[in-house]
N, C-alpha and C. Protein backbone atom coordinates (compact mmCIF):
# COMPACT_ATOMS: atom_id res chain seq x y z
N MET A 1 -114.82 -162.89 118.53
CA MET A 1 -113.95 -161.84 119.07
C MET A 1 -112.59 -161.85 118.37
N GLU A 2 -112.02 -163.05 118.24
CA GLU A 2 -110.70 -163.15 117.61
C GLU A 2 -110.74 -162.64 116.17
N GLU A 3 -111.85 -162.93 115.50
CA GLU A 3 -112.01 -162.49 114.12
C GLU A 3 -112.00 -160.96 114.04
N ALA A 4 -112.66 -160.30 114.96
CA ALA A 4 -112.71 -158.83 114.99
C ALA A 4 -111.33 -158.25 115.26
N VAL A 5 -110.58 -158.87 116.15
CA VAL A 5 -109.22 -158.40 116.46
C VAL A 5 -108.34 -158.53 115.23
N ILE A 6 -108.44 -159.65 114.55
CA ILE A 6 -107.64 -159.86 113.34
C ILE A 6 -108.02 -158.85 112.26
N ASP A 7 -109.32 -158.57 112.13
CA ASP A 7 -109.76 -157.58 111.14
C ASP A 7 -109.19 -156.20 111.44
N VAL A 8 -109.20 -155.80 112.70
CA VAL A 8 -108.64 -154.50 113.09
C VAL A 8 -107.13 -154.48 112.83
N LEU A 9 -106.45 -155.54 113.20
CA LEU A 9 -105.01 -155.62 112.96
C LEU A 9 -104.70 -155.56 111.47
N ARG A 10 -105.50 -156.26 110.67
CA ARG A 10 -105.30 -156.25 109.22
C ARG A 10 -105.50 -154.83 108.67
N ASP A 11 -106.52 -154.14 109.16
CA ASP A 11 -106.75 -152.76 108.72
C ASP A 11 -105.58 -151.86 109.09
N CYS A 12 -105.07 -152.03 110.31
CA CYS A 12 -103.91 -151.23 110.75
C CYS A 12 -102.68 -151.55 109.90
N TYR A 13 -102.48 -152.82 109.62
CA TYR A 13 -101.37 -153.24 108.77
C TYR A 13 -101.49 -152.61 107.39
N GLN A 14 -102.68 -152.69 106.79
CA GLN A 14 -102.88 -152.15 105.45
C GLN A 14 -102.68 -150.63 105.43
N GLU A 15 -103.07 -149.95 106.49
CA GLU A 15 -102.86 -148.50 106.56
C GLU A 15 -101.37 -148.16 106.59
N GLN A 16 -100.60 -148.92 107.34
CA GLN A 16 -99.15 -148.67 107.40
C GLN A 16 -98.49 -148.96 106.06
N VAL A 17 -98.89 -150.01 105.40
CA VAL A 17 -98.34 -150.33 104.08
C VAL A 17 -98.71 -149.23 103.08
N SER A 18 -99.94 -148.75 103.18
CA SER A 18 -100.38 -147.66 102.30
C SER A 18 -99.56 -146.39 102.54
N GLN A 19 -99.30 -146.08 103.79
CA GLN A 19 -98.48 -144.91 104.12
C GLN A 19 -97.05 -145.08 103.59
N ALA A 20 -96.50 -146.26 103.72
CA ALA A 20 -95.14 -146.52 103.21
C ALA A 20 -95.11 -146.32 101.70
N ARG A 21 -96.11 -146.82 101.02
CA ARG A 21 -96.20 -146.66 99.56
C ARG A 21 -96.34 -145.18 99.19
N HIS A 22 -97.11 -144.45 99.97
CA HIS A 22 -97.29 -143.02 99.73
C HIS A 22 -95.94 -142.29 99.78
N HIS A 23 -95.13 -142.61 100.78
CA HIS A 23 -93.82 -141.95 100.90
C HIS A 23 -92.90 -142.31 99.73
N GLU A 24 -92.97 -143.54 99.26
CA GLU A 24 -92.18 -143.92 98.09
C GLU A 24 -92.64 -143.15 96.86
N ASN A 25 -93.95 -143.02 96.71
CA ASN A 25 -94.48 -142.25 95.57
C ASN A 25 -94.07 -140.79 95.65
N GLN A 26 -94.12 -140.21 96.83
CA GLN A 26 -93.70 -138.82 97.00
C GLN A 26 -92.23 -138.65 96.64
N ARG A 27 -91.42 -139.58 97.09
CA ARG A 27 -89.99 -139.51 96.79
C ARG A 27 -89.74 -139.61 95.28
N GLU A 28 -90.43 -140.52 94.64
CA GLU A 28 -90.26 -140.70 93.20
C GLU A 28 -90.72 -139.47 92.43
N ARG A 29 -91.85 -138.91 92.82
CA ARG A 29 -92.38 -137.74 92.12
C ARG A 29 -91.48 -136.52 92.29
N MET A 30 -90.99 -136.31 93.50
CA MET A 30 -90.12 -135.16 93.72
C MET A 30 -88.81 -135.32 92.96
N THR A 31 -88.27 -136.52 92.93
CA THR A 31 -87.04 -136.76 92.18
C THR A 31 -87.27 -136.51 90.69
N ALA A 32 -88.38 -136.98 90.15
CA ALA A 32 -88.69 -136.75 88.74
C ALA A 32 -88.82 -135.25 88.46
N LEU A 33 -89.47 -134.52 89.36
CA LEU A 33 -89.64 -133.08 89.18
C LEU A 33 -88.29 -132.37 89.22
N ILE A 34 -87.46 -132.71 90.18
CA ILE A 34 -86.16 -132.06 90.31
C ILE A 34 -85.26 -132.38 89.13
N VAL A 35 -85.28 -133.62 88.67
CA VAL A 35 -84.49 -133.99 87.50
C VAL A 35 -84.99 -133.23 86.26
N ALA A 36 -86.30 -133.07 86.12
CA ALA A 36 -86.85 -132.32 84.99
C ALA A 36 -86.43 -130.85 85.05
N VAL A 37 -86.50 -130.26 86.24
CA VAL A 37 -86.07 -128.86 86.39
C VAL A 37 -84.58 -128.73 86.11
N ALA A 38 -83.79 -129.63 86.64
CA ALA A 38 -82.33 -129.59 86.41
C ALA A 38 -82.02 -129.75 84.92
N THR A 39 -82.74 -130.64 84.26
CA THR A 39 -82.53 -130.83 82.82
C THR A 39 -82.86 -129.56 82.05
N ALA A 40 -83.96 -128.91 82.43
CA ALA A 40 -84.33 -127.67 81.77
C ALA A 40 -83.27 -126.58 82.01
N PHE A 41 -82.78 -126.50 83.24
CA PHE A 41 -81.75 -125.51 83.56
C PHE A 41 -80.48 -125.76 82.74
N VAL A 42 -80.05 -127.01 82.67
CA VAL A 42 -78.84 -127.35 81.91
C VAL A 42 -79.05 -127.04 80.43
N SER A 43 -80.25 -127.31 79.94
CA SER A 43 -80.55 -127.00 78.55
C SER A 43 -80.46 -125.50 78.27
N VAL A 44 -81.02 -124.69 79.16
CA VAL A 44 -80.95 -123.23 79.00
C VAL A 44 -79.51 -122.74 79.11
N ILE A 45 -78.78 -123.31 80.06
CA ILE A 45 -77.38 -122.91 80.25
C ILE A 45 -76.55 -123.23 79.01
N SER A 46 -76.72 -124.45 78.48
CA SER A 46 -75.93 -124.82 77.31
C SER A 46 -76.39 -124.07 76.06
N HIS A 47 -77.69 -123.84 75.95
CA HIS A 47 -78.20 -123.06 74.81
C HIS A 47 -77.71 -121.61 74.89
N GLY A 48 -77.53 -121.11 76.11
CA GLY A 48 -76.99 -119.77 76.31
C GLY A 48 -75.48 -119.72 76.20
N GLU A 49 -74.89 -120.83 75.79
CA GLU A 49 -73.45 -120.95 75.57
C GLU A 49 -72.63 -120.58 76.80
N PHE A 50 -73.13 -120.95 77.95
CA PHE A 50 -72.43 -120.78 79.23
C PHE A 50 -72.06 -119.32 79.50
N GLN A 51 -72.90 -118.41 79.03
CA GLN A 51 -72.66 -116.98 79.26
C GLN A 51 -72.96 -116.65 80.72
N ILE A 52 -72.50 -115.49 81.16
CA ILE A 52 -72.62 -115.08 82.56
C ILE A 52 -74.09 -114.97 82.99
N HIS A 53 -74.98 -114.64 82.07
CA HIS A 53 -76.39 -114.51 82.44
C HIS A 53 -77.02 -115.86 82.80
N THR A 54 -76.36 -116.97 82.50
CA THR A 54 -76.88 -118.29 82.88
C THR A 54 -76.29 -118.78 84.21
N LEU A 55 -75.43 -117.98 84.79
CA LEU A 55 -74.81 -118.37 86.07
C LEU A 55 -75.85 -118.58 87.16
N PHE A 56 -76.86 -117.73 87.18
CA PHE A 56 -77.91 -117.86 88.20
C PHE A 56 -78.54 -119.25 88.19
N LEU A 57 -78.84 -119.76 87.00
CA LEU A 57 -79.44 -121.09 86.90
C LEU A 57 -78.47 -122.18 87.37
N ALA A 58 -77.19 -122.01 87.03
CA ALA A 58 -76.20 -122.99 87.46
C ALA A 58 -76.08 -123.01 88.98
N VAL A 59 -76.06 -121.83 89.57
CA VAL A 59 -75.97 -121.75 91.04
C VAL A 59 -77.25 -122.29 91.68
N LEU A 60 -78.38 -122.03 91.05
CA LEU A 60 -79.66 -122.50 91.59
C LEU A 60 -79.76 -124.03 91.61
N LEU A 61 -78.99 -124.71 90.77
CA LEU A 61 -78.99 -126.17 90.79
C LEU A 61 -78.49 -126.72 92.14
N ILE A 62 -77.63 -125.98 92.80
CA ILE A 62 -77.04 -126.46 94.06
C ILE A 62 -78.11 -126.60 95.15
N PRO A 63 -78.87 -125.54 95.49
CA PRO A 63 -79.90 -125.74 96.52
C PRO A 63 -81.04 -126.66 96.09
N ILE A 64 -81.33 -126.68 94.78
CA ILE A 64 -82.37 -127.59 94.31
C ILE A 64 -81.95 -129.04 94.55
N GLY A 65 -80.72 -129.37 94.21
CA GLY A 65 -80.21 -130.72 94.46
C GLY A 65 -80.12 -131.05 95.93
N ALA A 66 -79.70 -130.06 96.74
CA ALA A 66 -79.61 -130.28 98.20
C ALA A 66 -81.00 -130.52 98.79
N PHE A 67 -81.98 -129.75 98.34
CA PHE A 67 -83.35 -129.95 98.81
C PHE A 67 -83.84 -131.35 98.43
N GLY A 68 -83.59 -131.76 97.20
CA GLY A 68 -84.00 -133.09 96.76
C GLY A 68 -83.37 -134.19 97.59
N PHE A 69 -82.10 -134.01 97.93
CA PHE A 69 -81.40 -134.98 98.77
C PHE A 69 -82.06 -135.09 100.14
N ALA A 70 -82.32 -133.94 100.77
CA ALA A 70 -82.95 -133.94 102.10
C ALA A 70 -84.36 -134.51 102.03
N PHE A 71 -85.09 -134.16 101.00
CA PHE A 71 -86.46 -134.65 100.81
C PHE A 71 -86.47 -136.17 100.68
N CYS A 72 -85.57 -136.69 99.87
CA CYS A 72 -85.50 -138.15 99.68
C CYS A 72 -85.12 -138.87 100.97
N ARG A 73 -84.17 -138.31 101.68
CA ARG A 73 -83.76 -138.94 102.96
C ARG A 73 -84.92 -139.01 103.93
N LYS A 74 -85.68 -137.93 104.04
CA LYS A 74 -86.79 -137.90 104.98
C LYS A 74 -87.88 -138.88 104.57
N HIS A 75 -88.20 -138.93 103.29
CA HIS A 75 -89.23 -139.86 102.85
C HIS A 75 -88.78 -141.31 102.96
N TYR A 76 -87.49 -141.55 102.81
CA TYR A 76 -86.98 -142.90 103.03
C TYR A 76 -87.16 -143.29 104.50
N GLU A 77 -86.83 -142.37 105.39
CA GLU A 77 -86.98 -142.64 106.83
C GLU A 77 -88.44 -142.89 107.17
N ARG A 78 -89.35 -142.10 106.63
CA ARG A 78 -90.79 -142.29 106.89
C ARG A 78 -91.27 -143.63 106.33
N ASN A 79 -90.79 -143.98 105.15
CA ASN A 79 -91.14 -145.27 104.57
C ASN A 79 -90.71 -146.41 105.49
N ARG A 80 -89.49 -146.33 105.99
CA ARG A 80 -88.98 -147.38 106.87
C ARG A 80 -89.78 -147.43 108.17
N LEU A 81 -90.21 -146.26 108.68
CA LEU A 81 -91.04 -146.24 109.89
C LEU A 81 -92.32 -147.03 109.65
N HIS A 82 -93.02 -146.74 108.57
CA HIS A 82 -94.30 -147.40 108.33
C HIS A 82 -94.13 -148.88 108.02
N THR A 83 -93.06 -149.28 107.34
CA THR A 83 -92.86 -150.71 107.09
C THR A 83 -92.49 -151.44 108.37
N THR A 84 -91.77 -150.78 109.26
CA THR A 84 -91.44 -151.41 110.55
C THR A 84 -92.70 -151.61 111.39
N ILE A 85 -93.54 -150.59 111.45
CA ILE A 85 -94.79 -150.71 112.21
C ILE A 85 -95.68 -151.77 111.57
N ALA A 86 -95.74 -151.79 110.24
CA ALA A 86 -96.54 -152.80 109.54
C ALA A 86 -96.07 -154.22 109.88
N ARG A 87 -94.75 -154.37 109.96
CA ARG A 87 -94.19 -155.68 110.32
C ARG A 87 -94.65 -156.11 111.71
N HIS A 88 -94.75 -155.15 112.63
CA HIS A 88 -95.22 -155.46 113.98
C HIS A 88 -96.70 -155.86 113.96
N TYR A 89 -97.50 -155.19 113.15
CA TYR A 89 -98.91 -155.60 113.03
C TYR A 89 -99.02 -156.99 112.42
N LEU A 90 -98.18 -157.28 111.45
CA LEU A 90 -98.20 -158.60 110.83
C LEU A 90 -97.84 -159.68 111.85
N LYS A 91 -96.85 -159.39 112.69
CA LYS A 91 -96.50 -160.36 113.75
C LYS A 91 -97.66 -160.55 114.72
N ALA A 92 -98.37 -159.46 115.01
CA ALA A 92 -99.51 -159.57 115.92
C ALA A 92 -100.63 -160.40 115.29
N ILE A 93 -100.82 -160.27 113.98
CA ILE A 93 -101.83 -161.08 113.28
C ILE A 93 -101.43 -162.55 113.36
N GLU A 94 -100.15 -162.82 113.11
CA GLU A 94 -99.67 -164.21 113.19
C GLU A 94 -99.87 -164.77 114.60
N LYS A 95 -99.61 -163.94 115.58
CA LYS A 95 -99.77 -164.38 116.98
C LYS A 95 -101.23 -164.68 117.28
N GLN A 96 -102.13 -163.82 116.80
CA GLN A 96 -103.57 -164.04 117.01
C GLN A 96 -104.05 -165.31 116.31
N LEU A 97 -103.50 -165.56 115.13
CA LEU A 97 -103.91 -166.76 114.40
C LEU A 97 -103.38 -168.03 115.05
N SER A 98 -102.21 -167.94 115.69
CA SER A 98 -101.64 -169.13 116.32
C SER A 98 -102.20 -169.38 117.71
N SER A 99 -102.61 -168.33 118.41
CA SER A 99 -103.19 -168.52 119.75
C SER A 99 -104.32 -167.51 119.96
N PRO A 100 -105.48 -167.78 119.36
CA PRO A 100 -106.57 -166.83 119.40
C PRO A 100 -107.24 -166.67 120.75
N ALA A 101 -106.99 -167.55 121.69
CA ALA A 101 -107.67 -167.48 122.98
C ALA A 101 -107.07 -166.42 123.92
N GLU A 102 -105.90 -165.87 123.58
CA GLU A 102 -105.28 -164.86 124.45
C GLU A 102 -106.14 -163.60 124.49
N PRO A 103 -106.36 -163.06 125.68
CA PRO A 103 -107.16 -161.83 125.77
C PRO A 103 -106.38 -160.62 125.22
N VAL A 104 -107.12 -159.67 124.70
CA VAL A 104 -106.53 -158.47 124.11
C VAL A 104 -106.80 -157.30 125.04
N SER A 105 -105.74 -156.56 125.40
CA SER A 105 -105.91 -155.41 126.29
C SER A 105 -106.44 -154.21 125.52
N SER A 106 -106.89 -153.20 126.23
CA SER A 106 -107.43 -152.00 125.58
C SER A 106 -106.34 -151.19 124.89
N SER A 107 -105.08 -151.38 125.28
CA SER A 107 -103.97 -150.64 124.67
C SER A 107 -103.19 -151.51 123.67
N TYR A 108 -103.82 -152.58 123.21
CA TYR A 108 -103.15 -153.54 122.33
C TYR A 108 -102.59 -152.90 121.07
N LEU A 109 -103.41 -152.14 120.35
CA LEU A 109 -102.96 -151.51 119.11
C LEU A 109 -101.91 -150.45 119.38
N THR A 110 -102.09 -149.68 120.43
CA THR A 110 -101.11 -148.66 120.80
C THR A 110 -99.77 -149.30 121.14
N ASP A 111 -99.82 -150.40 121.86
CA ASP A 111 -98.58 -151.09 122.22
C ASP A 111 -97.85 -151.60 120.98
N ILE A 112 -98.59 -152.13 120.02
CA ILE A 112 -97.97 -152.61 118.78
C ILE A 112 -97.33 -151.44 118.05
N HIS A 113 -98.07 -150.35 117.94
CA HIS A 113 -97.56 -149.17 117.25
C HIS A 113 -96.30 -148.63 117.93
N LYS A 114 -96.31 -148.55 119.25
CA LYS A 114 -95.14 -148.07 120.01
C LYS A 114 -93.95 -149.01 119.83
N ALA A 115 -94.21 -150.31 119.83
CA ALA A 115 -93.13 -151.28 119.63
C ALA A 115 -92.52 -151.12 118.25
N GLY A 116 -93.36 -150.86 117.25
CA GLY A 116 -92.87 -150.64 115.90
C GLY A 116 -92.02 -149.38 115.82
N ARG A 117 -92.48 -148.31 116.45
CA ARG A 117 -91.71 -147.06 116.47
C ARG A 117 -90.36 -147.24 117.17
N ALA A 118 -90.38 -147.96 118.30
CA ALA A 118 -89.13 -148.20 119.03
C ALA A 118 -88.17 -149.04 118.21
N ASP A 119 -88.69 -150.05 117.54
CA ASP A 119 -87.87 -150.90 116.69
C ASP A 119 -87.29 -150.08 115.53
N HIS A 120 -88.10 -149.23 114.95
CA HIS A 120 -87.65 -148.36 113.86
C HIS A 120 -86.54 -147.43 114.34
N LYS A 121 -86.75 -146.82 115.48
CA LYS A 121 -85.75 -145.88 116.01
C LYS A 121 -84.43 -146.61 116.27
N LYS A 122 -84.52 -147.80 116.83
CA LYS A 122 -83.31 -148.58 117.10
C LYS A 122 -82.60 -148.96 115.81
N ASN A 123 -83.34 -149.45 114.84
CA ASN A 123 -82.74 -149.92 113.59
C ASN A 123 -82.33 -148.78 112.67
N PHE A 124 -83.09 -147.70 112.65
CA PHE A 124 -82.80 -146.64 111.70
C PHE A 124 -81.67 -145.75 112.18
N SER A 125 -81.54 -145.57 113.47
CA SER A 125 -80.49 -144.69 113.96
C SER A 125 -79.14 -145.37 114.03
N SER A 126 -79.11 -146.68 114.05
CA SER A 126 -77.81 -147.37 114.09
C SER A 126 -77.26 -147.51 112.69
N GLN A 127 -75.99 -147.30 112.57
CA GLN A 127 -75.31 -147.44 111.28
C GLN A 127 -74.71 -148.83 111.20
N SER A 128 -75.39 -149.71 110.51
CA SER A 128 -74.85 -151.06 110.37
C SER A 128 -73.94 -151.11 109.15
N SER A 129 -72.87 -151.84 109.30
CA SER A 129 -71.93 -151.94 108.17
C SER A 129 -72.46 -152.94 107.17
N ARG A 130 -72.35 -152.59 105.92
CA ARG A 130 -72.81 -153.46 104.85
C ARG A 130 -71.62 -153.81 103.95
N LYS A 131 -71.67 -155.00 103.41
CA LYS A 131 -70.62 -155.41 102.48
C LYS A 131 -70.72 -154.58 101.21
N ALA A 132 -69.60 -154.36 100.57
CA ALA A 132 -69.58 -153.60 99.32
C ALA A 132 -69.93 -154.51 98.15
N SER A 133 -71.13 -155.05 98.20
CA SER A 133 -71.61 -155.90 97.12
C SER A 133 -72.99 -155.43 96.72
N ALA A 134 -73.56 -156.07 95.74
CA ALA A 134 -74.89 -155.67 95.28
C ALA A 134 -75.93 -155.82 96.39
N THR A 135 -75.78 -156.83 97.23
CA THR A 135 -76.75 -157.01 98.31
C THR A 135 -76.57 -155.97 99.40
N GLY A 136 -75.39 -155.41 99.51
CA GLY A 136 -75.14 -154.39 100.54
C GLY A 136 -75.57 -153.01 100.10
N LEU A 137 -75.79 -152.82 98.82
CA LEU A 137 -76.22 -151.51 98.32
C LEU A 137 -77.71 -151.33 98.57
N ARG A 138 -78.06 -150.15 99.02
CA ARG A 138 -79.46 -149.84 99.27
C ARG A 138 -80.00 -148.94 98.17
N LEU A 139 -81.22 -149.20 97.75
CA LEU A 139 -81.82 -148.45 96.67
C LEU A 139 -81.91 -146.96 96.99
N HIS A 140 -82.17 -146.62 98.24
CA HIS A 140 -82.28 -145.20 98.59
C HIS A 140 -80.97 -144.46 98.36
N THR A 141 -79.85 -145.18 98.38
CA THR A 141 -78.56 -144.57 98.09
C THR A 141 -78.52 -144.05 96.65
N PHE A 142 -79.09 -144.80 95.74
CA PHE A 142 -79.14 -144.37 94.35
C PHE A 142 -80.07 -143.16 94.18
N TRP A 143 -81.22 -143.19 94.86
CA TRP A 143 -82.13 -142.06 94.81
C TRP A 143 -81.43 -140.80 95.30
N ASN A 144 -80.74 -140.92 96.42
CA ASN A 144 -80.05 -139.75 96.98
C ASN A 144 -78.90 -139.30 96.09
N SER A 145 -78.25 -140.23 95.44
CA SER A 145 -77.12 -139.89 94.57
C SER A 145 -77.54 -139.01 93.40
N ILE A 146 -78.75 -139.22 92.92
CA ILE A 146 -79.25 -138.38 91.82
C ILE A 146 -79.20 -136.92 92.24
N HIS A 147 -79.64 -136.64 93.44
CA HIS A 147 -79.69 -135.25 93.91
C HIS A 147 -78.29 -134.71 94.20
N LEU A 148 -77.42 -135.56 94.70
CA LEU A 148 -76.05 -135.11 94.93
C LEU A 148 -75.34 -134.81 93.60
N LEU A 149 -75.66 -135.59 92.58
CA LEU A 149 -75.09 -135.31 91.26
C LEU A 149 -75.59 -133.98 90.71
N ILE A 150 -76.81 -133.63 91.01
CA ILE A 150 -77.33 -132.32 90.58
C ILE A 150 -76.58 -131.20 91.29
N VAL A 151 -76.27 -131.39 92.57
CA VAL A 151 -75.47 -130.40 93.32
C VAL A 151 -74.10 -130.26 92.66
N VAL A 152 -73.46 -131.38 92.38
CA VAL A 152 -72.13 -131.36 91.75
C VAL A 152 -72.21 -130.71 90.37
N LEU A 153 -73.25 -131.04 89.62
CA LEU A 153 -73.43 -130.43 88.31
C LEU A 153 -73.56 -128.91 88.42
N GLY A 154 -74.31 -128.45 89.42
CA GLY A 154 -74.44 -127.01 89.63
C GLY A 154 -73.12 -126.35 89.95
N VAL A 155 -72.32 -126.99 90.78
CA VAL A 155 -70.99 -126.45 91.12
C VAL A 155 -70.10 -126.41 89.88
N LEU A 156 -70.08 -127.51 89.13
CA LEU A 156 -69.22 -127.57 87.94
C LEU A 156 -69.64 -126.56 86.87
N LEU A 157 -70.94 -126.46 86.63
CA LEU A 157 -71.40 -125.49 85.64
C LEU A 157 -71.11 -124.06 86.08
N SER A 158 -71.30 -123.79 87.37
CA SER A 158 -70.98 -122.45 87.89
C SER A 158 -69.51 -122.13 87.69
N ALA A 159 -68.66 -123.09 88.02
CA ALA A 159 -67.22 -122.89 87.85
C ALA A 159 -66.87 -122.71 86.37
N LEU A 160 -67.50 -123.48 85.50
CA LEU A 160 -67.25 -123.35 84.07
C LEU A 160 -67.66 -121.97 83.56
N ILE A 161 -68.83 -121.51 83.95
CA ILE A 161 -69.32 -120.20 83.50
C ILE A 161 -68.41 -119.08 84.00
N ILE A 162 -68.04 -119.17 85.29
CA ILE A 162 -67.14 -118.14 85.84
C ILE A 162 -65.78 -118.21 85.18
N GLY A 163 -65.28 -119.42 84.98
CA GLY A 163 -63.98 -119.60 84.33
C GLY A 163 -63.97 -119.06 82.92
N LEU A 164 -65.01 -119.32 82.16
CA LEU A 164 -65.09 -118.80 80.80
C LEU A 164 -65.22 -117.28 80.79
N ARG A 165 -65.89 -116.75 81.78
CA ARG A 165 -66.07 -115.29 81.86
C ARG A 165 -64.74 -114.59 82.09
N PHE A 166 -63.91 -115.14 82.97
CA PHE A 166 -62.66 -114.48 83.32
C PHE A 166 -61.51 -114.85 82.37
N CYS A 167 -61.65 -115.94 81.62
CA CYS A 167 -60.61 -116.32 80.67
C CYS A 167 -60.73 -115.58 79.36
N ASN A 168 -61.89 -115.05 79.08
CA ASN A 168 -62.10 -114.33 77.80
C ASN A 168 -61.91 -112.87 77.95
């Protein structure tokens, strides 16, 4: 019986880890796509010598970057949800291995999942202060910064194109 419980817990753990990896892959792919589109837009804008007809592409960089930022934030949150739940399944596996004689209730897996969600909500919604060092920096901050830089690039290019239009 204990072996079957551990197998089910392991399967649940692996599913959560797989989901977390999926969200990371989605975030990476969308960022690569948005950076490629932004690069193409900047190339067309510069090749068009910042003429007024390229203003549309410059302005379009702003919502594209904003969408990428929101997309990355959401996938980061989903990734953290699945890793938190996976951690709870891992703790349950450790508990089963250390005391296999404990009976398992019919809501055992649901309770673990709910505890993981509650832990995620508590940890993800609180803003903990981090030191301004390399260990305090979070990788998702860099991912999000790429998209914010695209927004800034769109604003700057739009201003440059409009400025050149009215200065000439």
